[in-house]
Amino acid sequence: MIRFGFVIVDDSKRGKGYGRQMLTLAIKYAFEIFGAEKITLGVFDNNKSAYSCYKAAGFTETGEEIICEFFGENWRQVEMEIKR
């Protein structure tokens, strides 16, 4: 089993695309170098920029959603994965 830390993604117009570049490298390393068959993430979809970046990279929602409360706001956590 391979575990990565989470990637903070800012794919907005003001960002420079570094988050997307880090995500692309993490996927490449997991599949090509470490031989992973799939990558699974727990994603909070309230971060629309990160969520759309994961979807654009090929991740799909799997599993159940969980509603969590942080600082008085409800956040939806979804599991996403991408396969080799």
PDB file of N, CA and C in Angstrom:
ATOM      1  N   MET A   1       0.841  -1.167   0.000  1.00  0.00           N
ATOM      2  CA  MET A   1       0.000   0.000   0.000  1.00  0.00           C
ATOM      3  C   MET A   1       0.891   1.237   0.000  1.00  0.00           C
ATOM      4  N   ILE A   2       0.527   2.211  -0.810  1.00  0.00           N
ATOM      5  CA  ILE A   2       1.258   3.468  -0.902  1.00  0.00           C
ATOM      6  C   ILE A   2       0.354   4.572  -0.400  1.00  0.00           C
ATOM      7  N   ARG A   3       0.877   5.428   0.459  1.00  0.00           N
ATOM      8  CA  ARG A   3       0.091   6.553   0.967  1.00  0.00           C
ATOM      9  C   ARG A   3       0.781   7.852   0.605  1.00  0.00           C
ATOM     10  N   PHE A   4      -0.011   8.779   0.098  1.00  0.00           N
ATOM     11  CA  PHE A   4       0.469  10.123  -0.172  1.00  0.00           C
ATOM     12  C   PHE A   4      -0.204  11.075   0.803  1.00  0.00           C
ATOM     13  N   GLY A   5       0.450  12.168   1.101  1.00  0.00           N
ATOM     14  CA  GLY A   5      -0.213  13.251   1.815  1.00  0.00           C
ATOM     15  C   GLY A   5      -1.189  13.913   0.868  1.00  0.00           C
ATOM     16  N   PHE A   6      -2.003  14.793   1.385  1.00  0.00           N
ATOM     17  CA  PHE A   6      -2.970  15.432   0.513  1.00  0.00           C
ATOM     18  C   PHE A   6      -2.306  16.548  -0.276  1.00  0.00           C
ATOM     19  N   VAL A   7      -2.892  16.871  -1.414  1.00  0.00           N
ATOM     20  CA  VAL A   7      -2.394  17.936  -2.275  1.00  0.00           C
ATOM     21  C   VAL A   7      -3.401  19.069  -2.222  1.00  0.00           C
ATOM     22  N   ILE A   8      -2.940  20.256  -1.874  1.00  0.00           N
ATOM     23  CA  ILE A   8      -3.817  21.423  -1.901  1.00  0.00           C
ATOM     24  C   ILE A   8      -3.771  21.979  -3.312  1.00  0.00           C
ATOM     25  N   VAL A   9      -4.926  22.104  -3.926  1.00  0.00           N
ATOM     26  CA  VAL A   9      -4.993  22.490  -5.324  1.00  0.00           C
ATOM     27  C   VAL A   9      -5.640  23.857  -5.447  1.00  0.00           C
ATOM     28  N   ASP A  10      -4.960  24.773  -6.097  1.00  0.00           N
ATOM     29  CA  ASP A  10      -5.542  26.058  -6.465  1.00  0.00           C
ATOM     30  C   ASP A  10      -5.468  26.134  -7.968  1.00  0.00           C
ATOM     31  N   ASP A  11      -6.583  25.853  -8.609  1.00  0.00           N
ATOM     32  CA  ASP A  11      -6.624  25.833 -10.067  1.00  0.00           C
ATOM     33  C   ASP A  11      -7.357  27.068 -10.586  1.00  0.00           C
ATOM     34  N   SER A  12      -7.498  28.065  -9.728  1.00  0.00           N
ATOM     35  CA  SER A  12      -8.221  29.267 -10.118  1.00  0.00           C
ATOM     36  C   SER A  12      -7.371  30.117 -11.064  1.00  0.00           C
ATOM     37  N   LYS A  13      -7.981  31.149 -11.622  1.00  0.00           N
ATOM     38  CA  LYS A  13      -7.270  32.016 -12.559  1.00  0.00           C
ATOM     39  C   LYS A  13      -6.114  32.738 -11.884  1.00  0.00           C
ATOM     40  N   ARG A  14      -6.253  33.026 -10.588  1.00  0.00           N
ATOM     41  CA  ARG A  14      -5.164  33.733  -9.911  1.00  0.00           C
ATOM     42  C   ARG A  14      -4.014  32.801  -9.543  1.00  0.00           C
ATOM     43  N   GLY A  15      -4.280  31.509  -9.511  1.00  0.00           N
ATOM     44  CA  GLY A  15      -3.239  30.535  -9.199  1.00  0.00           C
ATOM     45  C   GLY A  15      -2.318  30.324 -10.385  1.00  0.00           C
ATOM     46  N   LYS A  16      -1.251  29.653 -10.183  1.00  0.00           N
ATOM     47  CA  LYS A  16      -0.289  29.420 -11.256  1.00  0.00           C
ATOM     48  C   LYS A  16      -0.305  27.972 -11.736  1.00  0.00           C
ATOM     49  N   GLY A  17      -1.272  27.200 -11.271  1.00  0.00           N
ATOM     50  CA  GLY A  17      -1.371  25.814 -11.713  1.00  0.00           C
ATOM     51  C   GLY A  17      -0.429  24.858 -11.009  1.00  0.00           C
ATOM     52  N   TYR A  18       0.206  25.298  -9.914  1.00  0.00           N
ATOM     53  CA  TYR A  18       1.144  24.436  -9.199  1.00  0.00           C
ATOM     54  C   TYR A  18       0.441  23.214  -8.603  1.00  0.00           C
ATOM     55  N   GLY A  19      -0.766  23.400  -8.119  1.00  0.00           N
ATOM     56  CA  GLY A  19      -1.511  22.277  -7.555  1.00  0.00           C
ATOM     57  C   GLY A  19      -1.763  21.197  -8.584  1.00  0.00           C
ATOM     58  N   ARG A  20      -2.140  21.598  -9.782  1.00  0.00           N
ATOM     59  CA  ARG A  20      -2.387  20.623 -10.844  1.00  0.00           C
ATOM     60  C   ARG A  20      -1.087  19.916 -11.228  1.00  0.00           C
ATOM     61  N   GLN A  21       0.019  20.641 -11.259  1.00  0.00           N
ATOM     62  CA  GLN A  21       1.307  20.032 -11.573  1.00  0.00           C
ATOM     63  C   GLN A  21       1.699  19.016 -10.501  1.00  0.00           C
ATOM     64  N   MET A  22       1.481  19.349  -9.228  1.00  0.00           N
ATOM     65  CA  MET A  22       1.795  18.408  -8.149  1.00  0.00           C
ATOM     66  C   MET A  22       0.919  17.177  -8.234  1.00  0.00           C
ATOM     67  N   LEU A  23      -0.360  17.358  -8.548  1.00  0.00           N
ATOM     68  CA  LEU A  23      -1.276  16.224  -8.680  1.00  0.00           C
ATOM     69  C   LEU A  23      -0.836  15.323  -9.826  1.00  0.00           C
ATOM     70  N   THR A  24      -0.468  15.904 -10.950  1.00  0.00           N
ATOM     71  CA  THR A  24      -0.014  15.128 -12.103  1.00  0.00           C
ATOM     72  C   THR A  24       1.234  14.319 -11.761  1.00  0.00           C
ATOM     73  N   LEU A  25       2.175  14.939 -11.052  1.00  0.00           N
ATOM     74  CA  LEU A  25       3.389  14.218 -10.657  1.00  0.00           C
ATOM     75  C   LEU A  25       3.083  13.102  -9.661  1.00  0.00           C
ATOM     76  N   ALA A  26       2.174  13.359  -8.709  1.00  0.00           N
ATOM     77  CA  ALA A  26       1.814  12.330  -7.729  1.00  0.00           C
ATOM     78  C   ALA A  26       1.201  11.119  -8.428  1.00  0.00           C
ATOM     79  N   ILE A  27       0.329  11.353  -9.401  1.00  0.00           N
ATOM     80  CA  ILE A  27      -0.289  10.263 -10.159  1.00  0.00           C
ATOM     81  C   ILE A  27       0.790   9.493 -10.930  1.00  0.00           C
ATOM     82  N   LYS A  28       1.678  10.224 -11.589  1.00  0.00           N
ATOM     83  CA  LYS A  28       2.753   9.583 -12.369  1.00  0.00           C
ATOM     84  C   LYS A  28       3.633   8.719 -11.467  1.00  0.00           C
ATOM     85  N   TYR A  29       4.059   9.271 -10.343  1.00  0.00           N
ATOM     86  CA  TYR A  29       4.921   8.516  -9.431  1.00  0.00           C
ATOM     87  C   TYR A  29       4.204   7.287  -8.893  1.00  0.00           C
ATOM     88  N   ALA A  30       2.962   7.440  -8.530  1.00  0.00           N
ATOM     89  CA  ALA A  30       2.226   6.305  -7.965  1.00  0.00           C
ATOM     90  C   ALA A  30       2.107   5.165  -8.967  1.00  0.00           C
ATOM     91  N   PHE A  31       1.773   5.478 -10.211  1.00  0.00           N
ATOM     92  CA  PHE A  31       1.557   4.445 -11.218  1.00  0.00           C
ATOM     93  C   PHE A  31       2.862   3.924 -11.819  1.00  0.00           C
ATOM     94  N   GLU A  32       3.712   4.827 -12.267  1.00  0.00           N
ATOM     95  CA  GLU A  32       4.890   4.418 -13.020  1.00  0.00           C
ATOM     96  C   GLU A  32       6.061   3.983 -12.146  1.00  0.00           C
ATOM     97  N   ILE A  33       6.303   4.684 -11.083  1.00  0.00           N
ATOM     98  CA  ILE A  33       7.474   4.393 -10.262  1.00  0.00           C
ATOM     99  C   ILE A  33       7.162   3.385  -9.162  1.00  0.00           C
ATOM    100  N   PHE A  34       6.029   3.581  -8.473  1.00  0.00           N
ATOM    101  CA  PHE A  34       5.695   2.707  -7.353  1.00  0.00           C
ATOM    102  C   PHE A  34       4.810   1.532  -7.748  1.00  0.00           C
ATOM    103  N   GLY A  35       4.273   1.509  -8.966  1.00  0.00           N
ATOM    104  CA  GLY A  35       3.493   0.383  -9.446  1.00  0.00           C
ATOM    105  C   GLY A  35       2.097   0.250  -8.860  1.00  0.00           C
ATOM    106  N   ALA A  36       1.526   1.355  -8.380  1.00  0.00           N
ATOM    107  CA  ALA A  36       0.176   1.309  -7.819  1.00  0.00           C
ATOM    108  C   ALA A  36      -0.842   0.965  -8.903  1.00  0.00           C
ATOM    109  N   GLU A  37      -1.903   0.290  -8.524  1.00  0.00           N
ATOM    110  CA  GLU A  37      -2.988  -0.030  -9.449  1.00  0.00           C
ATOM    111  C   GLU A  37      -4.092   1.022  -9.412  1.00  0.00           C
ATOM    112  N   LYS A  38      -4.241   1.688  -8.253  1.00  0.00           N
ATOM    113  CA  LYS A  38      -5.232   2.758  -8.147  1.00  0.00           C
ATOM    114  C   LYS A  38      -4.821   3.713  -7.031  1.00  0.00           C
ATOM    115  N   ILE A  39      -5.372   4.911  -7.093  1.00  0.00           N
ATOM    116  CA  ILE A  39      -5.153   5.926  -6.064  1.00  0.00           C
ATOM    117  C   ILE A  39      -6.523   6.312  -5.535  1.00  0.00           C
ATOM    118  N   THR A  40      -6.664   6.316  -4.238  1.00  0.00           N
ATOM    119  CA  THR A  40      -7.934   6.687  -3.614  1.00  0.00           C
ATOM    120  C   THR A  40      -7.719   7.934  -2.762  1.00  0.00           C
ATOM    121  N   LEU A  41      -8.631   8.886  -2.872  1.00  0.00           N
ATOM    122  CA  LEU A  41      -8.567  10.135  -2.119  1.00  0.00           C
ATOM    123  C   LEU A  41      -9.857  10.358  -1.354  1.00  0.00           C
ATOM    124  N   GLY A  42      -9.757  10.981  -0.206  1.00  0.00           N
ATOM    125  CA  GLY A  42     -10.926  11.531   0.468  1.00  0.00           C
ATOM    126  C   GLY A  42     -10.920  13.019   0.182  1.00  0.00           C
ATOM    127  N   VAL A  43     -11.937  13.529  -0.496  1.00  0.00           N
ATOM    128  CA  VAL A  43     -11.955  14.914  -0.969  1.00  0.00           C
ATOM    129  C   VAL A  43     -13.144  15.644  -0.370  1.00  0.00           C
ATOM    130  N   PHE A  44     -12.897  16.855   0.104  1.00  0.00           N
ATOM    131  CA  PHE A  44     -13.989  17.724   0.520  1.00  0.00           C
ATOM    132  C   PHE A  44     -14.389  18.547  -0.686  1.00  0.00           C
ATOM    133  N   ASP A  45     -15.616  18.334  -1.178  1.00  0.00           N
ATOM    134  CA  ASP A  45     -15.984  18.993  -2.431  1.00  0.00           C
ATOM    135  C   ASP A  45     -16.400  20.443  -2.239  1.00  0.00           C
ATOM    136  N   ASN A  46     -16.329  20.984  -1.025  1.00  0.00           N
ATOM    137  CA  ASN A  46     -16.601  22.398  -0.837  1.00  0.00           C
ATOM    138  C   ASN A  46     -15.482  23.247  -1.436  1.00  0.00           C
ATOM    139  N   ASN A  47     -14.322  22.641  -1.660  1.00  0.00           N
ATOM    140  CA  ASN A  47     -13.235  23.315  -2.354  1.00  0.00           C
ATOM    141  C   ASN A  47     -13.436  23.042  -3.840  1.00  0.00           C
ATOM    142  N   LYS A  48     -14.225  23.885  -4.490  1.00  0.00           N
ATOM    143  CA  LYS A  48     -14.622  23.635  -5.882  1.00  0.00           C
ATOM    144  C   LYS A  48     -13.425  23.568  -6.820  1.00  0.00           C
ATOM    145  N   SER A  49     -12.403  24.370  -6.551  1.00  0.00           N
ATOM    146  CA  SER A  49     -11.226  24.364  -7.404  1.00  0.00           C
ATOM    147  C   SER A  49     -10.520  23.012  -7.341  1.00  0.00           C
ATOM    148  N   ALA A  50     -10.318  22.504  -6.129  1.00  0.00           N
ATOM    149  CA  ALA A  50      -9.650  21.206  -5.970  1.00  0.00           C
ATOM    150  C   ALA A  50     -10.506  20.093  -6.553  1.00  0.00           C
ATOM    151  N   TYR A  51     -11.801  20.117  -6.260  1.00  0.00           N
ATOM    152  CA  TYR A  51     -12.707  19.072  -6.731  1.00  0.00           C
ATOM    153  C   TYR A  51     -12.695  18.994  -8.254  1.00  0.00           C
ATOM    154  N   SER A  52     -12.787  20.138  -8.929  1.00  0.00           N
ATOM    155  CA  SER A  52     -12.803  20.135 -10.388  1.00  0.00           C
ATOM    156  C   SER A  52     -11.457  19.692 -10.962  1.00  0.00           C
ATOM    157  N   CYS A  53     -10.368  19.998 -10.258  1.00  0.00           N
ATOM    158  CA  CYS A  53      -9.047  19.572 -10.712  1.00  0.00           C
ATOM    159  C   CYS A  53      -8.925  18.049 -10.644  1.00  0.00           C
ATOM    160  N   TYR A  54      -9.401  17.444  -9.543  1.00  0.00           N
ATOM    161  CA  TYR A  54      -9.365  15.983  -9.420  1.00  0.00           C
ATOM    162  C   TYR A  54     -10.209  15.334 -10.517  1.00  0.00           C
ATOM    163  N   LYS A  55     -11.396  15.911 -10.785  1.00  0.00           N
ATOM    164  CA  LYS A  55     -12.255  15.363 -11.842  1.00  0.00           C
ATOM    165  C   LYS A  55     -11.558  15.473 -13.200  1.00  0.00           C
ATOM    166  N   ALA A  56     -10.917  16.613 -13.464  1.00  0.00           N
ATOM    167  CA  ALA A  56     -10.226  16.812 -14.737  1.00  0.00           C
ATOM    168  C   ALA A  56      -9.052  15.844 -14.892  1.00  0.00           C
ATOM    169  N   ALA A  57      -8.437  15.449 -13.771  1.00  0.00           N
ATOM    170  CA  ALA A  57      -7.308  14.511 -13.819  1.00  0.00           C
ATOM    171  C   ALA A  57      -7.758  13.074 -14.050  1.00  0.00           C
ATOM    172  N   GLY A  58      -9.079  12.815 -13.974  1.00  0.00           N
ATOM    173  CA  GLY A  58      -9.587  11.479 -14.236  1.00  0.00           C
ATOM    174  C   GLY A  58     -10.123  10.743 -13.030  1.00  0.00           C
ATOM    175  N   PHE A  59     -10.136  11.392 -11.859  1.00  0.00           N
ATOM    176  CA  PHE A  59     -10.691  10.763 -10.668  1.00  0.00           C
ATOM    177  C   PHE A  59     -12.213  10.715 -10.780  1.00  0.00           C
ATOM    178  N   THR A  60     -12.801   9.622 -10.296  1.00  0.00           N
ATOM    179  CA  THR A  60     -14.251   9.484 -10.258  1.00  0.00           C
ATOM    180  C   THR A  60     -14.688   9.214  -8.818  1.00  0.00           C
ATOM    181  N   GLU A  61     -15.902   9.613  -8.515  1.00  0.00           N
ATOM    182  CA  GLU A  61     -16.425   9.389  -7.162  1.00  0.00           C
ATOM    183  C   GLU A  61     -16.732   7.921  -6.956  1.00  0.00           C
ATOM    184  N   THR A  62     -16.365   7.409  -5.780  1.00  0.00           N
ATOM    185  CA  THR A  62     -16.667   6.039  -5.392  1.00  0.00           C
ATOM    186  C   THR A  62     -17.104   6.063  -3.933  1.00  0.00           C
ATOM    187  N   GLY A  63     -17.737   5.053  -3.505  1.00  0.00           N
ATOM    188  CA  GLY A  63     -18.086   4.957  -2.094  1.00  0.00           C
ATOM    189  C   GLY A  63     -19.174   5.924  -1.672  1.00  0.00           C
ATOM    190  N   GLU A  64     -19.310   6.037  -0.374  1.00  0.00           N
ATOM    191  CA  GLU A  64     -20.358   6.864   0.202  1.00  0.00           C
ATOM    192  C   GLU A  64     -19.853   8.268   0.461  1.00  0.00           C
ATOM    193  N   GLU A  65     -20.802   9.193   0.550  1.00  0.00           N
ATOM    194  CA  GLU A  65     -20.445  10.539   0.956  1.00  0.00           C
ATOM    195  C   GLU A  65     -20.678  10.681   2.450  1.00  0.00           C
ATOM    196  N   ILE A  66     -19.902  11.530   3.066  1.00  0.00           N
ATOM    197  CA  ILE A  66     -20.016  11.793   4.495  1.00  0.00           C
ATOM    198  C   ILE A  66     -20.151  13.293   4.676  1.00  0.00           C
ATOM    199  N   ILE A  67     -21.109  13.715   5.473  1.00  0.00           N
ATOM    200  CA  ILE A  67     -21.264  15.133   5.772  1.00  0.00           C
ATOM    201  C   ILE A  67     -20.555  15.417   7.093  1.00  0.00           C
ATOM    202  N   CYS A  68     -19.614  16.356   7.063  1.00  0.00           N
ATOM    203  CA  CYS A  68     -18.835  16.725   8.245  1.00  0.00           C
ATOM    204  C   CYS A  68     -19.094  18.194   8.549  1.00  0.00           C
ATOM    205  N   GLU A  69     -19.032  18.554   9.796  1.00  0.00           N
ATOM    206  CA  GLU A  69     -19.192  19.952  10.164  1.00  0.00           C
ATOM    207  C   GLU A  69     -17.845  20.508  10.613  1.00  0.00           C
ATOM    208  N   PHE A  70     -17.411  21.552   9.922  1.00  0.00           N
ATOM    209  CA  PHE A  70     -16.187  22.261  10.281  1.00  0.00           C
ATOM    210  C   PHE A  70     -16.522  23.730  10.459  1.00  0.00           C
ATOM    211  N   PHE A  71     -16.179  24.251  11.611  1.00  0.00           N
ATOM    212  CA  PHE A  71     -16.356  25.674  11.888  1.00  0.00           C
ATOM    213  C   PHE A  71     -17.761  26.163  11.546  1.00  0.00           C
ATOM    214  N   GLY A  72     -18.749  25.354  11.889  1.00  0.00           N
ATOM    215  CA  GLY A  72     -20.139  25.740  11.689  1.00  0.00           C
ATOM    216  C   GLY A  72     -20.674  25.553  10.283  1.00  0.00           C
ATOM    217  N   GLU A  73     -19.876  24.995   9.375  1.00  0.00           N
ATOM    218  CA  GLU A  73     -20.332  24.749   8.007  1.00  0.00           C
ATOM    219  C   GLU A  73     -20.360  23.254   7.740  1.00  0.00           C
ATOM    220  N   ASN A  74     -21.339  22.818   6.950  1.00  0.00           N
ATOM    221  CA  ASN A  74     -21.393  21.422   6.531  1.00  0.00           C
ATOM    222  C   ASN A  74     -20.544  21.237   5.283  1.00  0.00           C
ATOM    223  N   TRP A  75     -19.659  20.262   5.337  1.00  0.00           N
ATOM    224  CA  TRP A  75     -18.809  19.916   4.203  1.00  0.00           C
ATOM    225  C   TRP A  75     -19.121  18.492   3.783  1.00  0.00           C
ATOM    226  N   ARG A  76     -19.178  18.256   2.493  1.00  0.00           N
ATOM    227  CA  ARG A  76     -19.427  16.915   1.967  1.00  0.00           C
ATOM    228  C   ARG A  76     -18.089  16.301   1.611  1.00  0.00           C
ATOM    229  N   GLN A  77     -17.767  15.170   2.252  1.00  0.00           N
ATOM    230  CA  GLN A  77     -16.557  14.438   1.911  1.00  0.00           C
ATOM    231  C   GLN A  77     -16.939  13.288   1.004  1.00  0.00           C
ATOM    232  N   VAL A  78     -16.229  13.169  -0.101  1.00  0.00           N
ATOM    233  CA  VAL A  78     -16.466  12.070  -1.040  1.00  0.00           C
ATOM    234  C   VAL A  78     -15.158  11.326  -1.256  1.00  0.00           C
ATOM    235  N   GLU A  79     -15.275  10.059  -1.545  1.00  0.00           N
ATOM    236  CA  GLU A  79     -14.105   9.263  -1.894  1.00  0.00           C
ATOM    237  C   GLU A  79     -13.994   9.261  -3.415  1.00  0.00           C
ATOM    238  N   MET A  80     -12.786   9.492  -3.911  1.00  0.00           N
ATOM    239  CA  MET A  80     -12.555   9.492  -5.356  1.00  0.00           C
ATOM    240  C   MET A  80     -11.380   8.564  -5.625  1.00  0.00           C
ATOM    241  N   GLU A  81     -11.368   7.988  -6.820  1.00  0.00           N
ATOM    242  CA  GLU A  81     -10.240   7.147  -7.175  1.00  0.00           C
ATOM    243  C   GLU A  81      -9.953   7.231  -8.656  1.00  0.00           C
ATOM    244  N   ILE A  82      -8.725   6.873  -8.987  1.00  0.00           N
ATOM    245  CA  ILE A  82      -8.297   6.779 -10.383  1.00  0.00           C
ATOM    246  C   ILE A  82      -7.532   5.465 -10.493  1.00  0.00           C
ATOM    247  N   LYS A  83      -7.778   4.750 -11.565  1.00  0.00           N
ATOM    248  CA  LYS A  83      -7.098   3.469 -11.786  1.00  0.00           C
ATOM    249  C   LYS A  83      -6.095   3.618 -12.911  1.00  0.00           C
ATOM    250  N   ARG A  84      -5.105   2.742 -12.874  1.00  0.00           N
ATOM    251  CA  ARG A  84      -4.051   2.752 -13.901  1.00  0.00           C
ATOM    252  C   ARG A  84      -4.662   2.560 -15.271  1.00  0.00           C
TER     253      ARG A  84
END
